[in-house]
Amino acid sequence: MADIGENVAEGSRSPRNSPRRIDGELILLWTLPAAVIIWASAFFLFPGFMPPMSPTMSADQVAAFYRDAAALPEIRYSMIVFNWFGVCLVPILTLIVMQIRRMAHRTPIFSYAMLGCVAGGPALFLVANVCWLLAAFRPERSPELTQLLNDFAWITFTILVPFLIAQSVILAVAIYFDDQPRPIFSRWVAHFNLLVAAALTPAAFVGLSLSGPLAWDGVLSFWVKNVAIGVWVVVMGVVLGQAVYRERAEIQRRGAELDGA
C-alpha cells in the first residue's frame, strides 16, 4: 500500500493548496489556549474536584452535596464549561492525526487507529459531564438515584483512560517508525507519550476499590491521571505548533525557490 505520508507530501508541493491547508491547521492549533483555559476554569469551579468527592460517601451525603444551594450553580456551570473542553480537544487530536499522515509509513493504519481513539475519549468525557449535570439538575430526587448518577459520572470520567493510553502508544509507535531524514516529531516525544500512557494505566482499575490510590479520588486515579493529561495537552500543543510552523516555513521556502527559478 502506498505511503499515506507520501500522498500528503505530494499535495504539499502544490503552491495553491498547501498554504491554505497550513492556515487551517494553524487555526485549529490556536484553539488549544482556549481549551487549556476552559479546562482550568471548569476544574477549579467544580466543587467536587477540590478536593475530589470520596467513593465512600453515603447516598445521603452525596445528595446533600448536590442540594447545597451555594454549590449547585457552580456544579451546573462547571459541567457546561467542561462540555466545551471536550469539543476543544477534537481539533488538537485531529491535528495529531494529520501529523501522523505526514510521517513516512508504508501503511495509513496508524492514522486510522489514532482517529478511532480520538472519537472515543471526548465522547465518554461528555457522558461523565452529563451525569454530573443530571445529578445537579434535580437535586430533590431520591438520594439513591443521585448517588447512582454521581457514581456513573466519576467511574466514566476516570475509566476512559484506555482511549488515552491507546492514542499515546499509537503516536509513540508511529514516531518510532517514521524513518524520514527529518522526522515530524523527535524521538523524545515518543518516549514522553509512553510515559504518559504508563501514568494513566492505574486509573483503568478504578472500579476495584472504594479507597486507596486506585479509588476515583486516589493519588493514582485522580491526581496522577489529571496531571498527566494536563502535561500531555501542553507538551503536545508545543510540539504540534513546532511541526506546523516548520512545515509552513518549508512550503514558503519551496515557493520562493520556484519563483526564483
C-alpha atoms as a PDB file:
ATOM      1  CA  MET A   1       0.000   0.000   0.000  1.00  0.00           C
ATOM      2  CA  ALA A   2       1.304   3.444  -0.843  1.00  0.00           C
ATOM      3  CA  ASP A   3       2.670   5.543   1.963  1.00  0.00           C
ATOM      4  CA  ILE A   4      -0.017   7.977   3.016  1.00  0.00           C
ATOM      5  CA  GLY A   5       2.714  10.341   4.152  1.00  0.00           C
ATOM      6  CA  GLU A   6       3.964  10.443   0.584  1.00  0.00           C
ATOM      7  CA  ASN A   7       0.485  11.395  -0.641  1.00  0.00           C
ATOM      8  CA  VAL A   8       0.372  14.312   1.738  1.00  0.00           C
ATOM      9  CA  ALA A   9       3.903  15.306   0.789  1.00  0.00           C
ATOM     10  CA  GLU A  10       2.925  15.341  -2.881  1.00  0.00           C
ATOM     11  CA  GLY A  11      -0.058  17.539  -2.041  1.00  0.00           C
ATOM     12  CA  SER A  12       2.212  19.863  -0.101  1.00  0.00           C
ATOM     13  CA  ARG A  13       4.075  20.665  -3.330  1.00  0.00           C
ATOM     14  CA  SER A  14       1.009  22.467  -4.656  1.00  0.00           C
ATOM     15  CA  PRO A  15       1.660  26.191  -4.033  1.00  0.00           C
ATOM     16  CA  ARG A  16      -2.052  26.915  -4.139  1.00  0.00           C
ATOM     17  CA  ASN A  17      -3.469  24.269  -1.786  1.00  0.00           C
ATOM     18  CA  SER A  18      -0.685  23.829   0.775  1.00  0.00           C
ATOM     19  CA  PRO A  19      -0.724  27.326   2.326  1.00  0.00           C
ATOM     20  CA  ARG A  20      -4.479  27.083   2.734  1.00  0.00           C
ATOM     21  CA  ARG A  21      -4.155  23.704   4.452  1.00  0.00           C
ATOM     22  CA  ILE A  22      -1.440  25.003   6.772  1.00  0.00           C
ATOM     23  CA  ASP A  23      -3.525  28.091   7.579  1.00  0.00           C
ATOM     24  CA  GLY A  24      -6.378  25.767   8.522  1.00  0.00           C
ATOM     25  CA  GLU A  25      -4.054  23.776  10.766  1.00  0.00           C
ATOM     26  CA  LEU A  26      -2.877  26.980  12.436  1.00  0.00           C
ATOM     27  CA  ILE A  27      -6.468  27.953  13.160  1.00  0.00           C
ATOM     28  CA  LEU A  28      -7.031  24.576  14.806  1.00  0.00           C
ATOM     29  CA  LEU A  29      -3.755  24.891  16.707  1.00  0.00           C
ATOM     30  CA  TRP A  30      -4.772  28.177  18.263  1.00  0.00           C
ATOM     31  CA  THR A  31      -7.869  26.603  19.773  1.00  0.00           C
ATOM     32  CA  LEU A  32      -5.502  24.960  22.272  1.00  0.00           C
ATOM     33  CA  PRO A  33      -5.116  28.007  24.561  1.00  0.00           C
ATOM     34  CA  ALA A  34      -8.907  28.206  24.758  1.00  0.00           C
ATOM     35  CA  ALA A  35      -9.062  24.507  25.662  1.00  0.00           C
ATOM     36  CA  VAL A  36      -6.497  24.963  28.448  1.00  0.00           C
ATOM     37  CA  ILE A  37      -8.350  27.979  29.880  1.00  0.00           C
ATOM     38  CA  ILE A  38     -11.675  26.122  29.760  1.00  0.00           C
ATOM     39  CA  TRP A  39     -10.162  23.043  31.431  1.00  0.00           C
ATOM     40  CA  ALA A  40      -8.592  25.039  34.257  1.00  0.00           C
ATOM     41  CA  SER A  41     -11.730  27.128  34.799  1.00  0.00           C
ATOM     42  CA  ALA A  42     -14.071  24.147  34.948  1.00  0.00           C
ATOM     43  CA  PHE A  43     -11.685  22.060  37.047  1.00  0.00           C
ATOM     44  CA  PHE A  44     -11.395  24.660  39.789  1.00  0.00           C
ATOM     45  CA  LEU A  45     -15.041  25.719  39.520  1.00  0.00           C
ATOM     46  CA  PHE A  46     -16.457  22.233  40.179  1.00  0.00           C
ATOM     47  CA  PRO A  47     -16.601  21.847  43.985  1.00  0.00           C
ATOM     48  CA  GLY A  48     -16.427  18.058  43.640  1.00  0.00           C
ATOM     49  CA  PHE A  49     -12.806  18.206  42.446  1.00  0.00           C
ATOM     50  CA  MET A  50     -11.169  20.332  45.140  1.00  0.00           C
ATOM     51  CA  PRO A  51     -10.911  18.029  46.989  1.00  0.00           C
ATOM     52  CA  PRO A  52     -12.342  15.119  44.952  1.00  0.00           C
ATOM     53  CA  MET A  53     -15.507  13.527  46.320  1.00  0.00           C
ATOM     54  CA  SER A  54     -14.974  10.224  48.108  1.00  0.00           C
ATOM     55  CA  PRO A  55     -16.487   6.963  46.788  1.00  0.00           C
ATOM     56  CA  THR A  56     -17.269   6.059  50.414  1.00  0.00           C
ATOM     57  CA  MET A  57     -19.826   8.876  50.772  1.00  0.00           C
ATOM     58  CA  SER A  58     -23.293   7.605  51.626  1.00  0.00           C
ATOM     59  CA  ALA A  59     -26.303   8.306  49.427  1.00  0.00           C
ATOM     60  CA  ASP A  60     -27.496  10.987  51.854  1.00  0.00           C
ATOM     61  CA  GLN A  61     -24.079  12.670  51.830  1.00  0.00           C
ATOM     62  CA  VAL A  62     -23.962  12.694  48.046  1.00  0.00           C
ATOM     63  CA  ALA A  63     -27.493  14.084  47.861  1.00  0.00           C
ATOM     64  CA  ALA A  64     -26.589  16.791  50.393  1.00  0.00           C
ATOM     65  CA  PHE A  65     -23.619  17.794  48.216  1.00  0.00           C
ATOM     66  CA  TYR A  66     -25.884  18.388  45.207  1.00  0.00           C
ATOM     67  CA  ARG A  67     -28.591  20.078  47.315  1.00  0.00           C
ATOM     68  CA  ASP A  68     -26.201  22.676  48.669  1.00  0.00           C
ATOM     69  CA  ALA A  69     -27.648  25.938  47.393  1.00  0.00           C
ATOM     70  CA  ALA A  70     -24.220  27.596  47.340  1.00  0.00           C
ATOM     71  CA  ALA A  71     -22.524  24.803  45.361  1.00  0.00           C
ATOM     72  CA  LEU A  72     -25.372  23.974  42.964  1.00  0.00           C
ATOM     73  CA  PRO A  73     -24.769  26.817  40.452  1.00  0.00           C
ATOM     74  CA  GLU A  74     -21.041  26.043  40.410  1.00  0.00           C
ATOM     75  CA  ILE A  75     -21.732  22.382  39.637  1.00  0.00           C
ATOM     76  CA  ARG A  76     -24.074  23.213  36.778  1.00  0.00           C
ATOM     77  CA  TYR A  77     -21.901  25.897  35.215  1.00  0.00           C
ATOM     78  CA  SER A  78     -18.710  23.848  35.537  1.00  0.00           C
ATOM     79  CA  MET A  79     -20.271  20.894  33.721  1.00  0.00           C
ATOM     80  CA  ILE A  80     -21.480  23.118  30.892  1.00  0.00           C
ATOM     81  CA  VAL A  81     -17.963  24.554  30.568  1.00  0.00           C
ATOM     82  CA  PHE A  82     -16.434  21.047  30.700  1.00  0.00           C
ATOM     83  CA  ASN A  83     -18.546  20.052  27.695  1.00  0.00           C
ATOM     84  CA  TRP A  84     -16.835  22.760  25.674  1.00  0.00           C
ATOM     85  CA  PHE A  85     -13.430  21.481  26.761  1.00  0.00           C
ATOM     86  CA  GLY A  86     -14.293  18.093  25.253  1.00  0.00           C
ATOM     87  CA  VAL A  87     -15.194  19.826  21.995  1.00  0.00           C
ATOM     88  CA  CYS A  88     -11.972  21.875  22.020  1.00  0.00           C
ATOM     89  CA  LEU A  89      -9.907  18.689  22.251  1.00  0.00           C
ATOM     90  CA  VAL A  90     -11.171  17.424  18.893  1.00  0.00           C
ATOM     91  CA  PRO A  91      -9.229  19.955  16.735  1.00  0.00           C
ATOM     92  CA  ILE A  92      -5.991  19.257  18.604  1.00  0.00           C
ATOM     93  CA  LEU A  93      -6.375  15.496  18.313  1.00  0.00           C
ATOM     94  CA  THR A  94      -7.238  15.884  14.632  1.00  0.00           C
ATOM     95  CA  LEU A  95      -4.006  17.828  14.139  1.00  0.00           C
ATOM     96  CA  ILE A  96      -2.089  14.885  15.595  1.00  0.00           C
ATOM     97  CA  VAL A  97      -3.788  12.600  13.072  1.00  0.00           C
ATOM     98  CA  MET A  98      -2.696  14.974  10.307  1.00  0.00           C
ATOM     99  CA  GLN A  99       0.918  14.867  11.502  1.00  0.00           C
ATOM    100  CA  ILE A 100       0.850  11.055  11.592  1.00  0.00           C
ATOM    101  CA  ARG A 101      -0.310  11.121   7.962  1.00  0.00           C
ATOM    102  CA  ARG A 102       2.797  13.150   7.090  1.00  0.00           C
ATOM    103  CA  MET A 103       5.101  10.522   8.562  1.00  0.00           C
ATOM    104  CA  ALA A 104       6.998   8.066   6.364  1.00  0.00           C
ATOM    105  CA  HIS A 105       4.973   4.884   6.868  1.00  0.00           C
ATOM    106  CA  ARG A 106       4.150   2.133   4.401  1.00  0.00           C
ATOM    107  CA  THR A 107       0.564   1.981   5.679  1.00  0.00           C
ATOM    108  CA  PRO A 108      -2.071   4.502   6.855  1.00  0.00           C
ATOM    109  CA  ILE A 109      -3.083   2.208   9.726  1.00  0.00           C
ATOM    110  CA  PHE A 110      -1.540   4.437  12.411  1.00  0.00           C
ATOM    111  CA  SER A 111      -3.589   7.467  11.399  1.00  0.00           C
ATOM    112  CA  TYR A 112      -6.783   5.370  11.177  1.00  0.00           C
ATOM    113  CA  ALA A 113      -6.178   3.836  14.611  1.00  0.00           C
ATOM    114  CA  MET A 114      -5.465   7.255  16.089  1.00  0.00           C
ATOM    115  CA  LEU A 115      -8.667   8.606  14.571  1.00  0.00           C
ATOM    116  CA  GLY A 116     -10.664   5.877  16.321  1.00  0.00           C
ATOM    117  CA  CYS A 117      -9.134   6.816  19.684  1.00  0.00           C
ATOM    118  CA  VAL A 118      -9.863  10.480  19.030  1.00  0.00           C
ATOM    119  CA  ALA A 119     -13.572   9.670  18.773  1.00  0.00           C
ATOM    120  CA  GLY A 120     -13.741   7.623  21.991  1.00  0.00           C
ATOM    121  CA  GLY A 121     -12.204   9.802  24.710  1.00  0.00           C
ATOM    122  CA  PRO A 122     -14.215  13.019  24.234  1.00  0.00           C
ATOM    123  CA  ALA A 123     -17.443  11.015  23.858  1.00  0.00           C
ATOM    124  CA  LEU A 124     -17.010   9.305  27.238  1.00  0.00           C
ATOM    125  CA  PHE A 125     -15.942  12.607  28.757  1.00  0.00           C
ATOM    126  CA  LEU A 126     -19.267  14.056  27.596  1.00  0.00           C
ATOM    127  CA  VAL A 127     -21.173  11.163  29.203  1.00  0.00           C
ATOM    128  CA  ALA A 128     -19.500  11.863  32.556  1.00  0.00           C
ATOM    129  CA  ASN A 129     -20.344  15.565  32.326  1.00  0.00           C
ATOM    130  CA  VAL A 130     -23.969  14.836  31.500  1.00  0.00           C
ATOM    131  CA  CYS A 131     -24.308  12.543  34.526  1.00  0.00           C
ATOM    132  CA  TRP A 132     -22.887  15.171  36.874  1.00  0.00           C
ATOM    133  CA  LEU A 133     -25.213  17.734  35.336  1.00  0.00           C
ATOM    134  CA  LEU A 134     -28.216  15.420  35.689  1.00  0.00           C
ATOM    135  CA  ALA A 135     -27.408  14.850  39.349  1.00  0.00           C
ATOM    136  CA  ALA A 136     -27.444  18.609  39.878  1.00  0.00           C
ATOM    137  CA  PHE A 137     -30.436  19.255  37.612  1.00  0.00           C
ATOM    138  CA  ARG A 138     -32.996  17.762  40.027  1.00  0.00           C
ATOM    139  CA  PRO A 139     -31.240  17.566  43.416  1.00  0.00           C
ATOM    140  CA  GLU A 140     -34.536  16.864  45.172  1.00  0.00           C
ATOM    141  CA  ARG A 141     -34.772  13.361  43.683  1.00  0.00           C
ATOM    142  CA  SER A 142     -34.131  10.188  45.698  1.00  0.00           C
ATOM    143  CA  PRO A 143     -30.647  10.161  47.281  1.00  0.00           C
ATOM    144  CA  GLU A 144     -30.055   6.677  45.839  1.00  0.00           C
ATOM    145  CA  LEU A 145     -30.676   7.927  42.297  1.00  0.00           C
ATOM    146  CA  THR A 146     -28.434  10.930  42.846  1.00  0.00           C
ATOM    147  CA  GLN A 147     -25.716   8.626  44.146  1.00  0.00           C
ATOM    148  CA  LEU A 148     -26.130   6.398  41.083  1.00  0.00           C
ATOM    149  CA  LEU A 149     -25.657   9.340  38.722  1.00  0.00           C
ATOM    150  CA  ASN A 150     -22.682  10.539  40.730  1.00  0.00           C
ATOM    151  CA  ASP A 151     -21.076   7.068  40.646  1.00  0.00           C
ATOM    152  CA  PHE A 152     -21.756   6.800  36.928  1.00  0.00           C
ATOM    153  CA  ALA A 153     -20.114  10.189  36.332  1.00  0.00           C
ATOM    154  CA  TRP A 154     -17.000   9.503  38.400  1.00  0.00           C
ATOM    155  CA  ILE A 155     -16.426   5.987  37.067  1.00  0.00           C
ATOM    156  CA  THR A 156     -16.873   7.125  33.452  1.00  0.00           C
ATOM    157  CA  PHE A 157     -14.663  10.179  33.969  1.00  0.00           C
ATOM    158  CA  THR A 158     -11.880   8.016  35.375  1.00  0.00           C
ATOM    159  CA  ILE A 159     -12.122   4.794  33.388  1.00  0.00           C
ATOM    160  CA  LEU A 160     -11.987   6.404  29.916  1.00  0.00           C
ATOM    161  CA  VAL A 161      -8.175   6.246  30.093  1.00  0.00           C
ATOM    162  CA  PRO A 162      -7.809   3.206  27.759  1.00  0.00           C
ATOM    163  CA  PHE A 163      -8.595   5.524  24.831  1.00  0.00           C
ATOM    164  CA  LEU A 164      -5.966   7.995  26.060  1.00  0.00           C
ATOM    165  CA  ILE A 165      -3.448   5.214  26.660  1.00  0.00           C
ATOM    166  CA  ALA A 166      -4.046   3.794  23.184  1.00  0.00           C
ATOM    167  CA  GLN A 167      -3.624   7.144  21.460  1.00  0.00           C
ATOM    168  CA  SER A 168      -0.361   7.780  23.329  1.00  0.00           C
ATOM    169  CA  VAL A 169       1.003   4.336  22.436  1.00  0.00           C
ATOM    170  CA  ILE A 170      -0.123   4.601  18.800  1.00  0.00           C
ATOM    171  CA  LEU A 171       1.503   8.012  18.477  1.00  0.00           C
ATOM    172  CA  ALA A 172       4.716   6.711  20.051  1.00  0.00           C
ATOM    173  CA  VAL A 173       4.885   3.726  17.696  1.00  0.00           C
ATOM    174  CA  ALA A 174       4.143   5.957  14.700  1.00  0.00           C
ATOM    175  CA  ILE A 175       7.028   8.230  15.693  1.00  0.00           C
ATOM    176  CA  TYR A 176       9.414   5.274  16.078  1.00  0.00           C
ATOM    177  CA  PHE A 177       8.507   4.051  12.570  1.00  0.00           C
ATOM    178  CA  ASP A 178       8.882   7.479  10.977  1.00  0.00           C
ATOM    179  CA  ASP A 179      12.200   6.952   9.193  1.00  0.00           C
ATOM    180  CA  GLN A 180      12.413  10.256   7.342  1.00  0.00           C
ATOM    181  CA  PRO A 181      15.780  12.065   7.462  1.00  0.00           C
ATOM    182  CA  ARG A 182      13.953  14.812   9.352  1.00  0.00           C
ATOM    183  CA  PRO A 183      11.066  13.160  11.260  1.00  0.00           C
ATOM    184  CA  ILE A 184       7.871  15.019  12.095  1.00  0.00           C
ATOM    185  CA  PHE A 185       8.385  14.593  15.852  1.00  0.00           C
ATOM    186  CA  SER A 186      11.611  13.948  17.741  1.00  0.00           C
ATOM    187  CA  ARG A 187      12.120  10.587  19.424  1.00  0.00           C
ATOM    188  CA  TRP A 188      11.720  12.125  22.871  1.00  0.00           C
ATOM    189  CA  VAL A 189       8.065  12.842  22.050  1.00  0.00           C
ATOM    190  CA  ALA A 190       7.530   9.082  21.650  1.00  0.00           C
ATOM    191  CA  HIS A 191       9.264   8.405  24.968  1.00  0.00           C
ATOM    192  CA  PHE A 192       7.108  11.083  26.609  1.00  0.00           C
ATOM    193  CA  ASN A 193       3.888   9.545  25.266  1.00  0.00           C
ATOM    194  CA  LEU A 194       4.829   6.119  26.598  1.00  0.00           C
ATOM    195  CA  LEU A 195       5.499   7.685  30.000  1.00  0.00           C
ATOM    196  CA  VAL A 196       2.078   9.340  29.938  1.00  0.00           C
ATOM    197  CA  ALA A 197       0.460   6.018  28.972  1.00  0.00           C
ATOM    198  CA  ALA A 198       2.122   4.369  31.979  1.00  0.00           C
ATOM    199  CA  ALA A 199       0.937   7.151  34.293  1.00  0.00           C
ATOM    200  CA  LEU A 200      -2.669   6.747  33.072  1.00  0.00           C
ATOM    201  CA  THR A 201      -2.794   2.960  33.378  1.00  0.00           C
ATOM    202  CA  PRO A 202      -3.696   2.691  37.112  1.00  0.00           C
ATOM    203  CA  ALA A 203      -6.878   4.734  36.549  1.00  0.00           C
ATOM    204  CA  ALA A 204      -8.239   1.915  34.355  1.00  0.00           C
ATOM    205  CA  PHE A 205      -8.687  -0.130  37.554  1.00  0.00           C
ATOM    206  CA  VAL A 206     -10.803   2.463  39.356  1.00  0.00           C
ATOM    207  CA  GLY A 207     -13.709   0.027  39.723  1.00  0.00           C
ATOM    208  CA  LEU A 208     -11.740  -2.254  42.029  1.00  0.00           C
ATOM    209  CA  SER A 209     -11.589  -0.086  45.138  1.00  0.00           C
ATOM    210  CA  LEU A 210     -13.578   2.454  47.149  1.00  0.00           C
ATOM    211  CA  SER A 211     -10.478   3.762  48.891  1.00  0.00           C
ATOM    212  CA  GLY A 212      -6.737   3.964  48.378  1.00  0.00           C
ATOM    213  CA  PRO A 213      -4.653   5.111  45.379  1.00  0.00           C
ATOM    214  CA  LEU A 214      -6.864   3.324  42.798  1.00  0.00           C
ATOM    215  CA  ALA A 215     -10.149   4.831  44.011  1.00  0.00           C
ATOM    216  CA  TRP A 216     -11.508   7.663  41.890  1.00  0.00           C
ATOM    217  CA  ASP A 217     -10.282  10.175  44.482  1.00  0.00           C
ATOM    218  CA  GLY A 218      -6.945   8.409  44.945  1.00  0.00           C
ATOM    219  CA  VAL A 219      -3.463   9.634  44.122  1.00  0.00           C
ATOM    220  CA  LEU A 220      -3.097   7.456  41.018  1.00  0.00           C
ATOM    221  CA  SER A 221      -6.626   7.535  39.599  1.00  0.00           C
ATOM    222  CA  PHE A 222      -7.268  11.234  40.157  1.00  0.00           C
ATOM    223  CA  TRP A 223      -4.159  13.317  40.725  1.00  0.00           C
ATOM    224  CA  VAL A 224      -1.612  11.433  38.621  1.00  0.00           C
ATOM    225  CA  LYS A 225      -4.128  10.902  35.829  1.00  0.00           C
ATOM    226  CA  ASN A 226      -5.272  14.527  35.603  1.00  0.00           C
ATOM    227  CA  VAL A 227      -1.778  15.964  35.940  1.00  0.00           C
ATOM    228  CA  ALA A 228      -0.566  13.594  33.194  1.00  0.00           C
ATOM    229  CA  ILE A 229      -3.403  14.672  30.898  1.00  0.00           C
ATOM    230  CA  GLY A 230      -2.704  18.353  31.564  1.00  0.00           C
ATOM    231  CA  VAL A 231       1.023  17.965  30.892  1.00  0.00           C
ATOM    232  CA  TRP A 232       0.286  15.937  27.735  1.00  0.00           C
ATOM    233  CA  VAL A 233      -2.007  18.650  26.359  1.00  0.00           C
ATOM    234  CA  VAL A 234       0.596  21.370  26.946  1.00  0.00           C
ATOM    235  CA  VAL A 235       3.603  19.404  25.631  1.00  0.00           C
ATOM    236  CA  MET A 236       1.786  18.100  22.563  1.00  0.00           C
ATOM    237  CA  GLY A 237       0.481  21.581  21.867  1.00  0.00           C
ATOM    238  CA  VAL A 238       4.045  22.901  21.809  1.00  0.00           C
ATOM    239  CA  VAL A 239       5.450  20.149  19.556  1.00  0.00           C
ATOM    240  CA  LEU A 240       2.414  20.372  17.263  1.00  0.00           C
ATOM    241  CA  GLY A 241       2.996  24.091  16.892  1.00  0.00           C
ATOM    242  CA  GLN A 242       6.640  23.485  16.064  1.00  0.00           C
ATOM    243  CA  ALA A 243       5.718  20.875  13.427  1.00  0.00           C
ATOM    244  CA  VAL A 244       3.043  23.026  11.792  1.00  0.00           C
ATOM    245  CA  TYR A 245       5.178  26.174  11.675  1.00  0.00           C
ATOM    246  CA  ARG A 246       8.171  24.176  10.396  1.00  0.00           C
ATOM    247  CA  GLU A 247       6.074  22.795   7.537  1.00  0.00           C
ATOM    248  CA  ARG A 248       4.796  26.294   6.788  1.00  0.00           C
ATOM    249  CA  ALA A 249       8.380  27.590   6.580  1.00  0.00           C
ATOM    250  CA  GLU A 250       9.375  24.737   4.263  1.00  0.00           C
ATOM    251  CA  ILE A 251       6.455  25.454   1.930  1.00  0.00           C
ATOM    252  CA  GLN A 252       7.333  29.149   1.815  1.00  0.00           C
ATOM    253  CA  ARG A 253      10.960  28.281   1.086  1.00  0.00           C
ATOM    254  CA  ARG A 254       9.971  25.952  -1.790  1.00  0.00           C
ATOM    255  CA  GLY A 255       7.636  28.607  -3.143  1.00  0.00           C
ATOM    256  CA  ALA A 256      10.441  31.174  -3.097  1.00  0.00           C
ATOM    257  CA  GLU A 257      12.745  28.756  -4.895  1.00  0.00           C
ATOM    258  CA  LEU A 258      10.114  28.131  -7.591  1.00  0.00           C
ATOM    259  CA  ASP A 259       9.550  31.855  -8.037  1.00  0.00           C
ATOM    260  CA  GLY A 260      13.316  32.378  -8.336  1.00  0.00           C
ATOM    261  CA  ALA A 261      13.582  29.643 -10.941  1.00  0.00           C
END
